[in-house]
Amino acid sequence: MTRNHVERLGEFREILVATRREGVRNVHHTRDAMRASGFQIGDSDGSSYGAELKALQEEIEAVDRAIEDEKRLALALESATQSRRPTKPRIVKRA
């Protein structure tokens, strides 16, 4: 069975979240390594990663909206399919 759109979007979302987490981890690792090496980095808080983080978060939120949209479309399709099903003929018993 082929994977549906919701599953594929969910997998894509997982990739984006993993990318976001890795970026944050890298910011902290770089800052800690620079401090350990004696570099004066001042009050750096990793905000240089902020623009990339914001873009990733916007993508994640867009995927979340797409997942909800696909779920709505699937429900609408299912509902339309059910309403088109032929009704069973009624059997009338004669007395």
N, C-alpha and C. Protein backbone atom coordinates (compact mmCIF):
# COMPACT_ATOMS: atom_id res chain seq x y z
N MET A 1 0.84 -1.18 0.00
CA MET A 1 0.00 0.00 0.00
C MET A 1 0.89 1.25 0.00
N THR A 2 0.56 2.18 -0.86
CA THR A 2 1.37 3.40 -0.90
C THR A 2 1.05 4.27 0.31
N ARG A 3 2.05 4.99 0.72
CA ARG A 3 1.86 5.88 1.87
C ARG A 3 0.98 7.05 1.47
N ASN A 4 0.16 7.48 2.39
CA ASN A 4 -0.71 8.60 2.06
C ASN A 4 -0.01 9.94 2.32
N HIS A 5 -0.69 10.99 1.94
CA HIS A 5 -0.09 12.33 2.04
C HIS A 5 0.20 12.72 3.49
N VAL A 6 -0.68 12.36 4.40
CA VAL A 6 -0.48 12.72 5.81
C VAL A 6 0.78 12.06 6.35
N GLU A 7 1.00 10.80 6.01
CA GLU A 7 2.20 10.10 6.47
C GLU A 7 3.46 10.75 5.91
N ARG A 8 3.44 11.09 4.64
CA ARG A 8 4.61 11.73 4.02
C ARG A 8 4.89 13.10 4.64
N LEU A 9 3.82 13.86 4.86
CA LEU A 9 4.00 15.16 5.49
C LEU A 9 4.52 15.00 6.91
N GLY A 10 4.05 14.00 7.62
CA GLY A 10 4.54 13.74 8.97
C GLY A 10 6.02 13.43 8.98
N GLU A 11 6.46 12.64 8.01
CA GLU A 11 7.89 12.32 7.91
C GLU A 11 8.71 13.57 7.58
N PHE A 12 8.17 14.40 6.70
CA PHE A 12 8.85 15.64 6.36
C PHE A 12 8.96 16.55 7.58
N ARG A 13 7.90 16.59 8.37
CA ARG A 13 7.90 17.39 9.60
C ARG A 13 8.99 16.89 10.55
N GLU A 14 9.12 15.58 10.68
CA GLU A 14 10.15 15.01 11.54
C GLU A 14 11.55 15.44 11.09
N ILE A 15 11.77 15.52 9.80
CA ILE A 15 13.07 15.96 9.27
C ILE A 15 13.32 17.43 9.66
N LEU A 16 12.29 18.26 9.49
CA LEU A 16 12.44 19.67 9.84
C LEU A 16 12.71 19.86 11.33
N VAL A 17 11.99 19.12 12.17
CA VAL A 17 12.20 19.23 13.62
C VAL A 17 13.60 18.77 13.99
N ALA A 18 14.06 17.68 13.39
CA ALA A 18 15.42 17.19 13.66
C ALA A 18 16.46 18.23 13.24
N THR A 19 16.22 18.89 12.11
CA THR A 19 17.12 19.95 11.63
C THR A 19 17.16 21.11 12.61
N ARG A 20 15.98 21.50 13.11
CA ARG A 20 15.91 22.58 14.09
C ARG A 20 16.68 22.22 15.36
N ARG A 21 16.46 21.03 15.85
CA ARG A 21 17.13 20.59 17.08
C ARG A 21 18.65 20.53 16.89
N GLU A 22 19.08 20.04 15.75
CA GLU A 22 20.52 19.95 15.46
C GLU A 22 21.14 21.35 15.40
N GLY A 23 20.43 22.29 14.80
CA GLY A 23 20.94 23.66 14.74
C GLY A 23 21.12 24.27 16.11
N VAL A 24 20.15 24.08 16.97
CA VAL A 24 20.25 24.61 18.34
C VAL A 24 21.40 23.93 19.08
N ARG A 25 21.52 22.62 18.90
CA ARG A 25 22.61 21.87 19.53
C ARG A 25 23.96 22.40 19.04
N ASN A 26 24.07 22.70 17.74
CA ASN A 26 25.32 23.21 17.18
C ASN A 26 25.67 24.59 17.74
N VAL A 27 24.67 25.43 17.91
CA VAL A 27 24.91 26.77 18.47
C VAL A 27 25.52 26.63 19.87
N HIS A 28 24.92 25.78 20.67
CA HIS A 28 25.43 25.60 22.04
C HIS A 28 26.82 24.95 22.04
N HIS A 29 27.02 24.00 21.17
CA HIS A 29 28.32 23.33 21.11
C HIS A 29 29.40 24.32 20.69
N THR A 30 29.13 25.11 19.66
CA THR A 30 30.11 26.09 19.19
C THR A 30 30.42 27.11 20.27
N ARG A 31 29.40 27.61 20.93
CA ARG A 31 29.61 28.60 22.00
C ARG A 31 30.46 28.00 23.13
N ASP A 32 30.11 26.79 23.53
CA ASP A 32 30.86 26.15 24.62
C ASP A 32 32.31 25.87 24.21
N ALA A 33 32.52 25.44 22.98
CA ALA A 33 33.88 25.16 22.51
C ALA A 33 34.71 26.43 22.45
N MET A 34 34.08 27.53 22.01
CA MET A 34 34.81 28.80 21.93
C MET A 34 35.19 29.28 23.33
N ARG A 35 34.26 29.16 24.26
CA ARG A 35 34.55 29.57 25.64
C ARG A 35 35.67 28.71 26.23
N ALA A 36 35.64 27.41 25.97
CA ALA A 36 36.67 26.50 26.50
C ALA A 36 38.03 26.81 25.91
N SER A 37 38.06 27.35 24.68
CA SER A 37 39.33 27.68 24.04
C SER A 37 39.85 29.05 24.44
N GLY A 38 39.07 29.76 25.24
CA GLY A 38 39.52 31.07 25.71
C GLY A 38 39.09 32.23 24.85
N PHE A 39 38.28 32.01 23.84
CA PHE A 39 37.79 33.11 23.01
C PHE A 39 36.84 33.97 23.82
N GLN A 40 36.94 35.24 23.61
CA GLN A 40 36.00 36.16 24.24
C GLN A 40 34.82 36.32 23.29
N ILE A 41 33.71 35.71 23.65
CA ILE A 41 32.54 35.78 22.78
C ILE A 41 31.47 36.70 23.35
N GLY A 42 31.80 37.35 24.41
CA GLY A 42 30.87 38.31 25.01
C GLY A 42 29.59 37.63 25.47
N ASP A 43 28.51 38.32 25.26
CA ASP A 43 27.22 37.81 25.71
C ASP A 43 26.48 37.12 24.56
N SER A 44 27.21 36.48 23.70
CA SER A 44 26.58 35.81 22.56
C SER A 44 25.57 34.78 23.05
N ASP A 45 24.40 34.86 22.49
CA ASP A 45 23.35 33.94 22.91
C ASP A 45 22.90 33.04 21.75
N GLY A 46 23.65 33.06 20.67
CA GLY A 46 23.28 32.24 19.53
C GLY A 46 22.23 32.88 18.64
N SER A 47 22.00 34.17 18.83
CA SER A 47 20.95 34.83 18.05
C SER A 47 21.26 34.90 16.56
N SER A 48 22.52 34.67 16.20
CA SER A 48 22.84 34.65 14.77
C SER A 48 22.13 33.49 14.07
N TYR A 49 21.75 32.48 14.83
CA TYR A 49 21.00 31.35 14.29
C TYR A 49 19.50 31.66 14.24
N GLY A 50 19.11 32.77 14.83
CA GLY A 50 17.69 33.11 14.94
C GLY A 50 16.94 33.15 13.63
N ALA A 51 17.52 33.75 12.61
CA ALA A 51 16.82 33.85 11.32
C ALA A 51 16.57 32.47 10.73
N GLU A 52 17.56 31.60 10.82
CA GLU A 52 17.39 30.24 10.30
C GLU A 52 16.37 29.47 11.14
N LEU A 53 16.42 29.67 12.43
CA LEU A 53 15.47 29.02 13.33
C LEU A 53 14.05 29.47 13.02
N LYS A 54 13.89 30.77 12.80
CA LYS A 54 12.56 31.31 12.47
C LYS A 54 12.04 30.71 11.17
N ALA A 55 12.89 30.61 10.17
CA ALA A 55 12.48 30.04 8.89
C ALA A 55 12.08 28.57 9.05
N LEU A 56 12.86 27.83 9.81
CA LEU A 56 12.53 26.42 10.06
C LEU A 56 11.20 26.29 10.78
N GLN A 57 10.98 27.12 11.78
CA GLN A 57 9.73 27.06 12.53
C GLN A 57 8.54 27.39 11.64
N GLU A 58 8.70 28.35 10.76
CA GLU A 58 7.62 28.70 9.82
C GLU A 58 7.33 27.52 8.88
N GLU A 59 8.37 26.81 8.46
CA GLU A 59 8.17 25.64 7.62
C GLU A 59 7.44 24.54 8.38
N ILE A 60 7.82 24.33 9.63
CA ILE A 60 7.16 23.31 10.45
C ILE A 60 5.68 23.64 10.61
N GLU A 61 5.38 24.90 10.88
CA GLU A 61 3.99 25.32 11.04
C GLU A 61 3.22 25.18 9.73
N ALA A 62 3.87 25.43 8.61
CA ALA A 62 3.22 25.25 7.31
C ALA A 62 2.91 23.77 7.07
N VAL A 63 3.82 22.90 7.45
CA VAL A 63 3.58 21.46 7.32
C VAL A 63 2.44 21.03 8.23
N ASP A 64 2.39 21.57 9.45
CA ASP A 64 1.28 21.26 10.35
C ASP A 64 -0.06 21.64 9.72
N ARG A 65 -0.11 22.81 9.09
CA ARG A 65 -1.35 23.24 8.42
C ARG A 65 -1.67 22.33 7.24
N ALA A 66 -0.65 21.90 6.51
CA ALA A 66 -0.86 21.00 5.38
C ALA A 66 -1.40 19.64 5.86
N ILE A 67 -0.89 19.16 6.99
CA ILE A 67 -1.38 17.89 7.54
C ILE A 67 -2.85 18.02 7.89
N GLU A 68 -3.22 19.10 8.56
CA GLU A 68 -4.63 19.30 8.92
C GLU A 68 -5.50 19.41 7.67
N ASP A 69 -5.00 20.09 6.65
CA ASP A 69 -5.73 20.23 5.39
C ASP A 69 -5.94 18.87 4.74
N GLU A 70 -4.89 18.06 4.71
CA GLU A 70 -5.01 16.72 4.12
C GLU A 70 -6.01 15.86 4.89
N LYS A 71 -6.03 16.00 6.21
CA LYS A 71 -6.99 15.24 7.00
C LYS A 71 -8.42 15.68 6.67
N ARG A 72 -8.63 16.99 6.53
CA ARG A 72 -9.96 17.50 6.17
C ARG A 72 -10.37 17.00 4.78
N LEU A 73 -9.42 17.03 3.85
CA LEU A 73 -9.73 16.55 2.50
C LEU A 73 -10.08 15.08 2.49
N ALA A 74 -9.36 14.29 3.29
CA ALA A 74 -9.64 12.85 3.37
C ALA A 74 -11.03 12.60 3.94
N LEU A 75 -11.40 13.36 4.98
CA LEU A 75 -12.73 13.21 5.56
C LEU A 75 -13.81 13.60 4.57
N ALA A 76 -13.58 14.68 3.84
CA ALA A 76 -14.57 15.13 2.85
C ALA A 76 -14.72 14.10 1.74
N LEU A 77 -13.61 13.52 1.30
CA LEU A 77 -13.65 12.50 0.26
C LEU A 77 -14.38 11.26 0.75
N GLU A 78 -14.08 10.86 1.98
CA GLU A 78 -14.74 9.70 2.56
C GLU A 78 -16.25 9.93 2.69
N SER A 79 -16.62 11.11 3.11
CA SER A 79 -18.03 11.46 3.26
C SER A 79 -18.73 11.45 1.91
N ALA A 80 -18.07 12.00 0.91
CA ALA A 80 -18.66 12.04 -0.44
C ALA A 80 -18.79 10.63 -1.01
N THR A 81 -17.82 9.79 -0.75
CA THR A 81 -17.86 8.40 -1.22
C THR A 81 -19.01 7.65 -0.57
N GLN A 82 -19.20 7.85 0.73
CA GLN A 82 -20.27 7.17 1.43
C GLN A 82 -21.64 7.62 0.95
N SER A 83 -21.78 8.87 0.63
CA SER A 83 -23.09 9.37 0.19
C SER A 83 -23.43 8.89 -1.21
N ARG A 84 -22.44 8.46 -1.99
CA ARG A 84 -22.69 7.96 -3.34
C ARG A 84 -22.92 6.46 -3.40
N ARG A 85 -22.73 5.79 -2.29
CA ARG A 85 -22.93 4.35 -2.29
C ARG A 85 -24.40 4.02 -2.52
N PRO A 86 -24.64 3.05 -3.36
CA PRO A 86 -26.04 2.69 -3.59
C PRO A 86 -26.64 2.06 -2.33
N THR A 87 -27.87 2.35 -2.12
CA THR A 87 -28.55 1.76 -0.97
C THR A 87 -29.00 0.36 -1.33
N LYS A 88 -29.04 -0.48 -0.35
CA LYS A 88 -29.49 -1.85 -0.58
C LYS A 88 -30.99 -1.83 -0.84
N PRO A 89 -31.41 -2.63 -1.79
CA PRO A 89 -32.86 -2.69 -2.02
C PRO A 89 -33.56 -3.32 -0.82
N ARG A 90 -34.67 -2.78 -0.53
CA ARG A 90 -35.44 -3.33 0.59
C ARG A 90 -36.24 -4.51 0.10
N ILE A 91 -36.23 -5.53 0.90
CA ILE A 91 -37.02 -6.72 0.58
C ILE A 91 -38.33 -6.60 1.33
N VAL A 92 -39.39 -6.61 0.57
CA VAL A 92 -40.72 -6.50 1.16
C VAL A 92 -41.39 -7.85 1.11
N LYS A 93 -41.76 -8.32 2.25
CA LYS A 93 -42.44 -9.61 2.32
C LYS A 93 -43.94 -9.41 2.08
N ARG A 94 -44.47 -10.27 1.26
CA ARG A 94 -45.91 -10.20 1.01
C ARG A 94 -46.62 -11.13 1.98
N ALA A 95 -47.68 -10.65 2.45
CA ALA A 95 -48.42 -11.47 3.39
C ALA A 95 -49.39 -12.41 2.71
